[in-house]
C-alpha atoms as a PDB file:
ATOM      1  CA  UNK A   1      -9.919 -88.032  62.340  1.00  0.00           C
ATOM      2  CA  UNK A   2      -8.892 -90.296  59.459  1.00  0.00           C
ATOM      3  CA  UNK A   3      -5.420 -91.809  59.557  1.00  0.00           C
ATOM      4  CA  UNK A   4      -4.214 -89.967  56.461  1.00  0.00           C
ATOM      5  CA  UNK A   5      -5.274 -86.643  57.946  1.00  0.00           C
ATOM      6  CA  UNK A   6      -3.514 -87.422  61.243  1.00  0.00           C
ATOM      7  CA  UNK A   7      -0.313 -88.403  59.445  1.00  0.00           C
ATOM      8  CA  UNK A   8      -0.486 -85.317  57.262  1.00  0.00           C
ATOM      9  CA  UNK A   9      -0.905 -83.010  60.275  1.00  0.00           C
ATOM     10  CA  UNK A  10       1.945 -84.699  62.120  1.00  0.00           C
ATOM     11  CA  UNK A  11       4.228 -84.410  59.101  1.00  0.00           C
ATOM     12  CA  UNK A  12       3.245 -80.761  58.710  1.00  0.00           C
ATOM     13  CA  UNK A  13       4.188 -80.061  62.332  1.00  0.00           C
ATOM     14  CA  UNK A  14       7.574 -81.712  61.804  1.00  0.00           C
ATOM     15  CA  UNK A  15       8.257 -79.704  58.666  1.00  0.00           C
ATOM     16  CA  UNK A  16       7.236 -76.462  60.400  1.00  0.00           C
ATOM     17  CA  UNK A  17       9.840 -76.939  63.150  1.00  0.00           C
ATOM     18  CA  UNK A  18      12.732 -74.535  62.625  1.00  0.00           C
ATOM     19  CA  UNK A  19      15.720 -76.516  61.293  1.00  0.00           C
ATOM     20  CA  UNK A  20      18.113 -73.868  62.633  1.00  0.00           C
ATOM     21  CA  UNK A  21      17.188 -74.806  66.190  1.00  0.00           C
ATOM     22  CA  UNK A  22      17.851 -78.489  65.530  1.00  0.00           C
ATOM     23  CA  UNK A  23      21.255 -77.853  63.969  1.00  0.00           C
ATOM     24  CA  UNK A  24      22.144 -75.579  66.874  1.00  0.00           C
ATOM     25  CA  UNK A  25      21.165 -78.341  69.323  1.00  0.00           C
ATOM     26  CA  UNK A  26      23.392 -80.773  67.437  1.00  0.00           C
ATOM     27  CA  UNK A  27      26.310 -78.337  67.641  1.00  0.00           C
ATOM     28  CA  UNK A  28      25.770 -77.946  71.374  1.00  0.00           C
ATOM     29  CA  UNK A  29      25.829 -81.692  71.978  1.00  0.00           C
ATOM     30  CA  UNK A  30      28.886 -82.053  69.748  1.00  0.00           C
ATOM     31  CA  UNK A  31      30.701 -79.540  71.961  1.00  0.00           C
ATOM     32  CA  UNK A  32      29.748 -81.543  75.060  1.00  0.00           C
ATOM     33  CA  UNK A  33      31.209 -84.655  73.407  1.00  0.00           C
ATOM     34  CA  UNK A  34      34.424 -82.841  72.522  1.00  0.00           C
ATOM     35  CA  UNK A  35      34.829 -81.688  76.131  1.00  0.00           C
ATOM     36  CA  UNK A  36      33.958 -85.127  77.583  1.00  0.00           C
ATOM     37  CA  UNK A  37      31.078 -83.692  79.569  1.00  0.00           C
ATOM     38  CA  UNK A  38      27.546 -84.995  80.189  1.00  0.00           C
ATOM     39  CA  UNK A  39      24.141 -84.581  78.559  1.00  0.00           C
ATOM     40  CA  UNK A  40      21.166 -84.856  80.936  1.00  0.00           C
ATOM     41  CA  UNK A  41      17.531 -85.263  79.860  1.00  0.00           C
ATOM     42  CA  UNK A  42      14.201 -85.011  81.681  1.00  0.00           C
ATOM     43  CA  UNK A  43      10.464 -84.912  81.034  1.00  0.00           C
ATOM     44  CA  UNK A  44       7.076 -86.227  82.222  1.00  0.00           C
ATOM     45  CA  UNK A  45       4.771 -88.902  80.841  1.00  0.00           C
ATOM     46  CA  UNK A  46       5.367 -89.414  77.136  1.00  0.00           C
ATOM     47  CA  UNK A  47       8.160 -86.865  77.348  1.00  0.00           C
ATOM     48  CA  UNK A  48       9.786 -88.975  80.085  1.00  0.00           C
ATOM     49  CA  UNK A  49       9.823 -91.892  77.667  1.00  0.00           C
ATOM     50  CA  UNK A  50      11.261 -89.648  74.971  1.00  0.00           C
ATOM     51  CA  UNK A  51      13.873 -88.376  77.447  1.00  0.00           C
ATOM     52  CA  UNK A  52      14.881 -91.951  78.295  1.00  0.00           C
ATOM     53  CA  UNK A  53      14.956 -92.949  74.639  1.00  0.00           C
ATOM     54  CA  UNK A  54      17.017 -89.917  73.653  1.00  0.00           C
ATOM     55  CA  UNK A  55      19.580 -90.478  76.414  1.00  0.00           C
ATOM     56  CA  UNK A  56      19.880 -94.156  75.476  1.00  0.00           C
ATOM     57  CA  UNK A  57      20.324 -93.419  71.766  1.00  0.00           C
ATOM     58  CA  UNK A  58      22.770 -90.562  72.320  1.00  0.00           C
ATOM     59  CA  UNK A  59      24.894 -92.846  74.502  1.00  0.00           C
ATOM     60  CA  UNK A  60      24.730 -95.986  72.356  1.00  0.00           C
ATOM     61  CA  UNK A  61      23.717 -95.156  68.798  1.00  0.00           C
ATOM     62  CA  UNK A  62      26.356 -92.436  68.347  1.00  0.00           C
ATOM     63  CA  UNK A  63      29.269 -94.794  69.087  1.00  0.00           C
ATOM     64  CA  UNK A  64      31.970 -94.893  66.408  1.00  0.00           C
ATOM     65  CA  UNK A  65      35.070 -97.109  66.605  1.00  0.00           C
ATOM     66  CA  UNK A  66      38.149 -95.713  68.337  1.00  0.00           C
ATOM     67  CA  UNK A  67      36.394 -92.544  69.462  1.00  0.00           C
ATOM     68  CA  UNK A  68      35.229 -91.358  72.889  1.00  0.00           C
ATOM     69  CA  UNK A  69      31.648 -92.091  73.816  1.00  0.00           C
ATOM     70  CA  UNK A  70      29.050 -89.477  74.671  1.00  0.00           C
ATOM     71  CA  UNK A  71      28.006 -89.610  78.329  1.00  0.00           C
ATOM     72  CA  UNK A  72      24.228 -89.256  78.770  1.00  0.00           C
ATOM     73  CA  UNK A  73      21.964 -89.513  81.819  1.00  0.00           C
ATOM     74  CA  UNK A  74      18.168 -89.444  81.906  1.00  0.00           C
ATOM     75  CA  UNK A  75      16.849 -87.983  85.152  1.00  0.00           C
ATOM     76  CA  UNK A  76      13.670 -90.034  84.554  1.00  0.00           C
ATOM     77  CA  UNK A  77      15.410 -93.409  84.521  1.00  0.00           C
ATOM     78  CA  UNK A  78      16.279 -93.971  88.201  1.00  0.00           C
ATOM     79  CA  UNK A  79      12.902 -94.787  89.738  1.00  0.00           C
ATOM     80  CA  UNK A  80      14.339 -94.938  93.255  1.00  0.00           C
ATOM     81  CA  UNK A  81      15.868 -91.473  93.041  1.00  0.00           C
ATOM     82  CA  UNK A  82      12.847 -90.053  91.242  1.00  0.00           C
ATOM     83  CA  UNK A  83      10.348 -91.279  93.828  1.00  0.00           C
ATOM     84  CA  UNK A  84      12.568 -90.485  96.821  1.00  0.00           C
ATOM     85  CA  UNK A  85      12.890 -86.845  95.864  1.00  0.00           C
ATOM     86  CA  UNK A  86       9.222 -86.629  94.851  1.00  0.00           C
ATOM     87  CA  UNK A  87       8.100 -88.171  98.144  1.00  0.00           C
ATOM     88  CA  UNK A  88      10.407 -86.152 100.403  1.00  0.00           C
ATOM     89  CA  UNK A  89      10.645 -82.778  98.650  1.00  0.00           C
ATOM     90  CA  UNK A  90       7.701 -82.726  96.245  1.00  0.00           C
ATOM     91  CA  UNK A  91       7.322 -83.846  92.651  1.00  0.00           C
ATOM     92  CA  UNK A  92       8.284 -80.403  91.408  1.00  0.00           C
ATOM     93  CA  UNK A  93      11.834 -81.042  92.676  1.00  0.00           C
ATOM     94  CA  UNK A  94      12.316 -84.622  91.449  1.00  0.00           C
ATOM     95  CA  UNK A  95      14.625 -83.598  88.582  1.00  0.00           C
ATOM     96  CA  UNK A  96      16.322 -80.524  90.005  1.00  0.00           C
ATOM     97  CA  UNK A  97      17.542 -82.292  93.137  1.00  0.00           C
ATOM     98  CA  UNK A  98      19.034 -85.129  91.124  1.00  0.00           C
ATOM     99  CA  UNK A  99      20.735 -82.653  88.824  1.00  0.00           C
ATOM    100  CA  UNK A 100      22.217 -80.648  91.694  1.00  0.00           C
ATOM    101  CA  UNK A 101      23.965 -83.825  92.824  1.00  0.00           C
ATOM    102  CA  UNK A 102      25.166 -85.008  89.431  1.00  0.00           C
ATOM    103  CA  UNK A 103      25.542 -82.003  87.161  1.00  0.00           C
ATOM    104  CA  UNK A 104      28.733 -80.046  86.656  1.00  0.00           C
ATOM    105  CA  UNK A 105      29.654 -76.722  85.109  1.00  0.00           C
ATOM    106  CA  UNK A 106      29.651 -77.054  81.336  1.00  0.00           C
ATOM    107  CA  UNK A 107      27.256 -80.021  81.241  1.00  0.00           C
ATOM    108  CA  UNK A 108      24.119 -79.916  79.091  1.00  0.00           C
ATOM    109  CA  UNK A 109      20.428 -80.286  80.002  1.00  0.00           C
ATOM    110  CA  UNK A 110      17.763 -81.185  77.432  1.00  0.00           C
ATOM    111  CA  UNK A 111      14.424 -80.495  79.136  1.00  0.00           C
ATOM    112  CA  UNK A 112      11.294 -81.898  77.490  1.00  0.00           C
ATOM    113  CA  UNK A 113       7.829 -80.452  78.095  1.00  0.00           C
ATOM    114  CA  UNK A 114       5.148 -80.410  75.431  1.00  0.00           C
ATOM    115  CA  UNK A 115       3.374 -77.505  77.097  1.00  0.00           C
ATOM    116  CA  UNK A 116       6.579 -75.879  78.301  1.00  0.00           C
ATOM    117  CA  UNK A 117       4.984 -75.355  81.704  1.00  0.00           C
ATOM    118  CA  UNK A 118       5.799 -78.462  83.799  1.00  0.00           C
ATOM    119  CA  UNK A 119       7.066 -77.196  87.193  1.00  0.00           C
ATOM    120  CA  UNK A 120       9.589 -79.993  87.707  1.00  0.00           C
ATOM    121  CA  UNK A 121      11.076 -79.424  84.247  1.00  0.00           C
ATOM    122  CA  UNK A 122      11.281 -75.664  84.819  1.00  0.00           C
ATOM    123  CA  UNK A 123      12.971 -76.261  88.175  1.00  0.00           C
ATOM    124  CA  UNK A 124      15.497 -78.546  86.487  1.00  0.00           C
ATOM    125  CA  UNK A 125      16.407 -75.706  84.134  1.00  0.00           C
ATOM    126  CA  UNK A 126      16.848 -73.316  87.053  1.00  0.00           C
ATOM    127  CA  UNK A 127      19.075 -75.874  88.814  1.00  0.00           C
ATOM    128  CA  UNK A 128      21.137 -76.306  85.656  1.00  0.00           C
ATOM    129  CA  UNK A 129      21.686 -72.558  85.501  1.00  0.00           C
ATOM    130  CA  UNK A 130      22.878 -72.589  89.123  1.00  0.00           C
ATOM    131  CA  UNK A 131      25.492 -75.116  87.999  1.00  0.00           C
ATOM    132  CA  UNK A 132      26.401 -73.018  84.925  1.00  0.00           C
ATOM    133  CA  UNK A 133      25.151 -75.690  82.547  1.00  0.00           C
ATOM    134  CA  UNK A 134      23.815 -75.055  79.047  1.00  0.00           C
ATOM    135  CA  UNK A 135      20.049 -75.656  78.754  1.00  0.00           C
ATOM    136  CA  UNK A 136      17.762 -76.559  75.881  1.00  0.00           C
ATOM    137  CA  UNK A 137      13.969 -76.797  75.999  1.00  0.00           C
ATOM    138  CA  UNK A 138      12.073 -79.207  73.739  1.00  0.00           C
ATOM    139  CA  UNK A 139       8.465 -78.036  73.504  1.00  0.00           C
ATOM    140  CA  UNK A 140       5.278 -77.833  71.494  1.00  0.00           C
ATOM    141  CA  UNK A 141       2.186 -75.606  71.521  1.00  0.00           C
ATOM    142  CA  UNK A 142       3.358 -71.994  72.133  1.00  0.00           C
ATOM    143  CA  UNK A 143       6.463 -73.124  74.030  1.00  0.00           C
ATOM    144  CA  UNK A 144       5.162 -72.007  77.436  1.00  0.00           C
ATOM    145  CA  UNK A 145       7.438 -70.741  80.188  1.00  0.00           C
ATOM    146  CA  UNK A 146      10.279 -73.020  79.097  1.00  0.00           C
ATOM    147  CA  UNK A 147      11.040 -70.838  76.089  1.00  0.00           C
ATOM    148  CA  UNK A 148      11.606 -67.898  78.424  1.00  0.00           C
ATOM    149  CA  UNK A 149      14.106 -69.580  80.734  1.00  0.00           C
ATOM    150  CA  UNK A 150      16.082 -72.151  78.694  1.00  0.00           C
ATOM    151  CA  UNK A 151      19.065 -70.837  76.745  1.00  0.00           C
ATOM    152  CA  UNK A 152      17.630 -72.231  73.506  1.00  0.00           C
ATOM    153  CA  UNK A 153      14.548 -74.195  72.438  1.00  0.00           C
ATOM    154  CA  UNK A 154      13.261 -76.515  69.767  1.00  0.00           C
ATOM    155  CA  UNK A 155       9.515 -75.956  69.450  1.00  0.00           C
ATOM    156  CA  UNK A 156       7.161 -78.110  67.415  1.00  0.00           C
ATOM    157  CA  UNK A 157       4.378 -75.674  66.431  1.00  0.00           C
ATOM    158  CA  UNK A 158       1.434 -77.972  67.069  1.00  0.00           C
ATOM    159  CA  UNK A 159      -1.446 -77.995  69.568  1.00  0.00           C
ATOM    160  CA  UNK A 160      -1.885 -81.764  69.823  1.00  0.00           C
ATOM    161  CA  UNK A 161       0.234 -83.387  72.549  1.00  0.00           C
ATOM    162  CA  UNK A 162       0.374 -86.773  70.862  1.00  0.00           C
ATOM    163  CA  UNK A 163       1.588 -85.267  67.615  1.00  0.00           C
ATOM    164  CA  UNK A 164       4.105 -83.073  69.450  1.00  0.00           C
ATOM    165  CA  UNK A 165       5.597 -86.083  71.236  1.00  0.00           C
ATOM    166  CA  UNK A 166       5.632 -88.122  68.016  1.00  0.00           C
ATOM    167  CA  UNK A 167       7.511 -85.379  66.190  1.00  0.00           C
ATOM    168  CA  UNK A 168       9.974 -85.069  69.063  1.00  0.00           C
ATOM    169  CA  UNK A 169      10.758 -88.773  68.653  1.00  0.00           C
ATOM    170  CA  UNK A 170      11.339 -88.434  64.915  1.00  0.00           C
ATOM    171  CA  UNK A 171      13.544 -85.379  65.345  1.00  0.00           C
ATOM    172  CA  UNK A 172      15.588 -87.118  68.024  1.00  0.00           C
ATOM    173  CA  UNK A 173      16.291 -90.036  65.681  1.00  0.00           C
ATOM    174  CA  UNK A 174      17.528 -87.574  63.071  1.00  0.00           C
ATOM    175  CA  UNK A 175      19.661 -85.865  65.723  1.00  0.00           C
ATOM    176  CA  UNK A 176      21.320 -89.127  66.745  1.00  0.00           C
ATOM    177  CA  UNK A 177      22.094 -90.075  63.125  1.00  0.00           C
ATOM    178  CA  UNK A 178      23.492 -86.618  62.438  1.00  0.00           C
ATOM    179  CA  UNK A 179      25.710 -86.670  65.515  1.00  0.00           C
ATOM    180  CA  UNK A 180      27.019 -90.164  64.774  1.00  0.00           C
ATOM    181  CA  UNK A 181      28.167 -88.891  61.374  1.00  0.00           C
ATOM    182  CA  UNK A 182      29.721 -85.806  62.998  1.00  0.00           C
ATOM    183  CA  UNK A 183      31.601 -87.944  65.536  1.00  0.00           C
ATOM    184  CA  UNK A 184      32.879 -90.208  62.763  1.00  0.00           C
ATOM    185  CA  UNK A 185      33.992 -87.205  60.716  1.00  0.00           C
ATOM    186  CA  UNK A 186      35.870 -85.873  63.748  1.00  0.00           C
ATOM    187  CA  UNK A 187      37.554 -89.237  64.352  1.00  0.00           C
ATOM    188  CA  UNK A 188      38.873 -89.268  60.785  1.00  0.00           C
ATOM    189  CA  UNK A 189      39.814 -85.562  60.890  1.00  0.00           C
ATOM    190  CA  UNK A 190      37.818 -84.937  57.725  1.00  0.00           C
ATOM    191  CA  UNK A 191      35.450 -82.109  56.841  1.00  0.00           C
ATOM    192  CA  UNK A 192      32.594 -82.480  59.265  1.00  0.00           C
ATOM    193  CA  UNK A 193      28.934 -82.673  58.387  1.00  0.00           C
ATOM    194  CA  UNK A 194      28.640 -79.893  60.984  1.00  0.00           C
ATOM    195  CA  UNK A 195      30.548 -77.548  58.701  1.00  0.00           C
ATOM    196  CA  UNK A 196      27.572 -77.509  56.349  1.00  0.00           C
ATOM    197  CA  UNK A 197      25.686 -75.349  58.804  1.00  0.00           C
ATOM    198  CA  UNK A 198      26.886 -72.386  60.831  1.00  0.00           C
ATOM    199  CA  UNK A 199      25.183 -71.796  64.236  1.00  0.00           C
ATOM    200  CA  UNK A 200      22.850 -68.792  64.403  1.00  0.00           C
END
């Protein structure tokens, strides 16, 4: 495939992603920030890297002066915990067991799986529900099983894993920029950028 064709297909997949789901995700994270609760992320392979990157950017790149910071934890980042649970209980439990120890009612899980069918990601969602957390799936392809169990999903309608993961990264950078503006608006008690869109 020529580069221009690849870029065009990737851009098309990004533009075909429902903006309503992205704005709703932003509203959900904003609520977590208001309540001083925690956002958790998880994923495998390229999605693990995206989960780490998202947690880092949500924690650092949304900081505004004289405002509370958003607390974010990637369940992929602690190699010791990840491998201990995988070795002792099975890889399918490497995220859920961490979450059961760290998560609290009202926290927020963003679960990444391009296929939507990764067992350890699905188990993390089930664990989050046990804790009465809000869950979001970030998927591609047809969304897989994740779309049936997470409270809400953002799905990139594309059948190429590399393009799906690339679009996830782009959308996450938009999300971080959008939330930083929302946090700054809230700090100054001015009309929020969030008011431009009503959750559906």
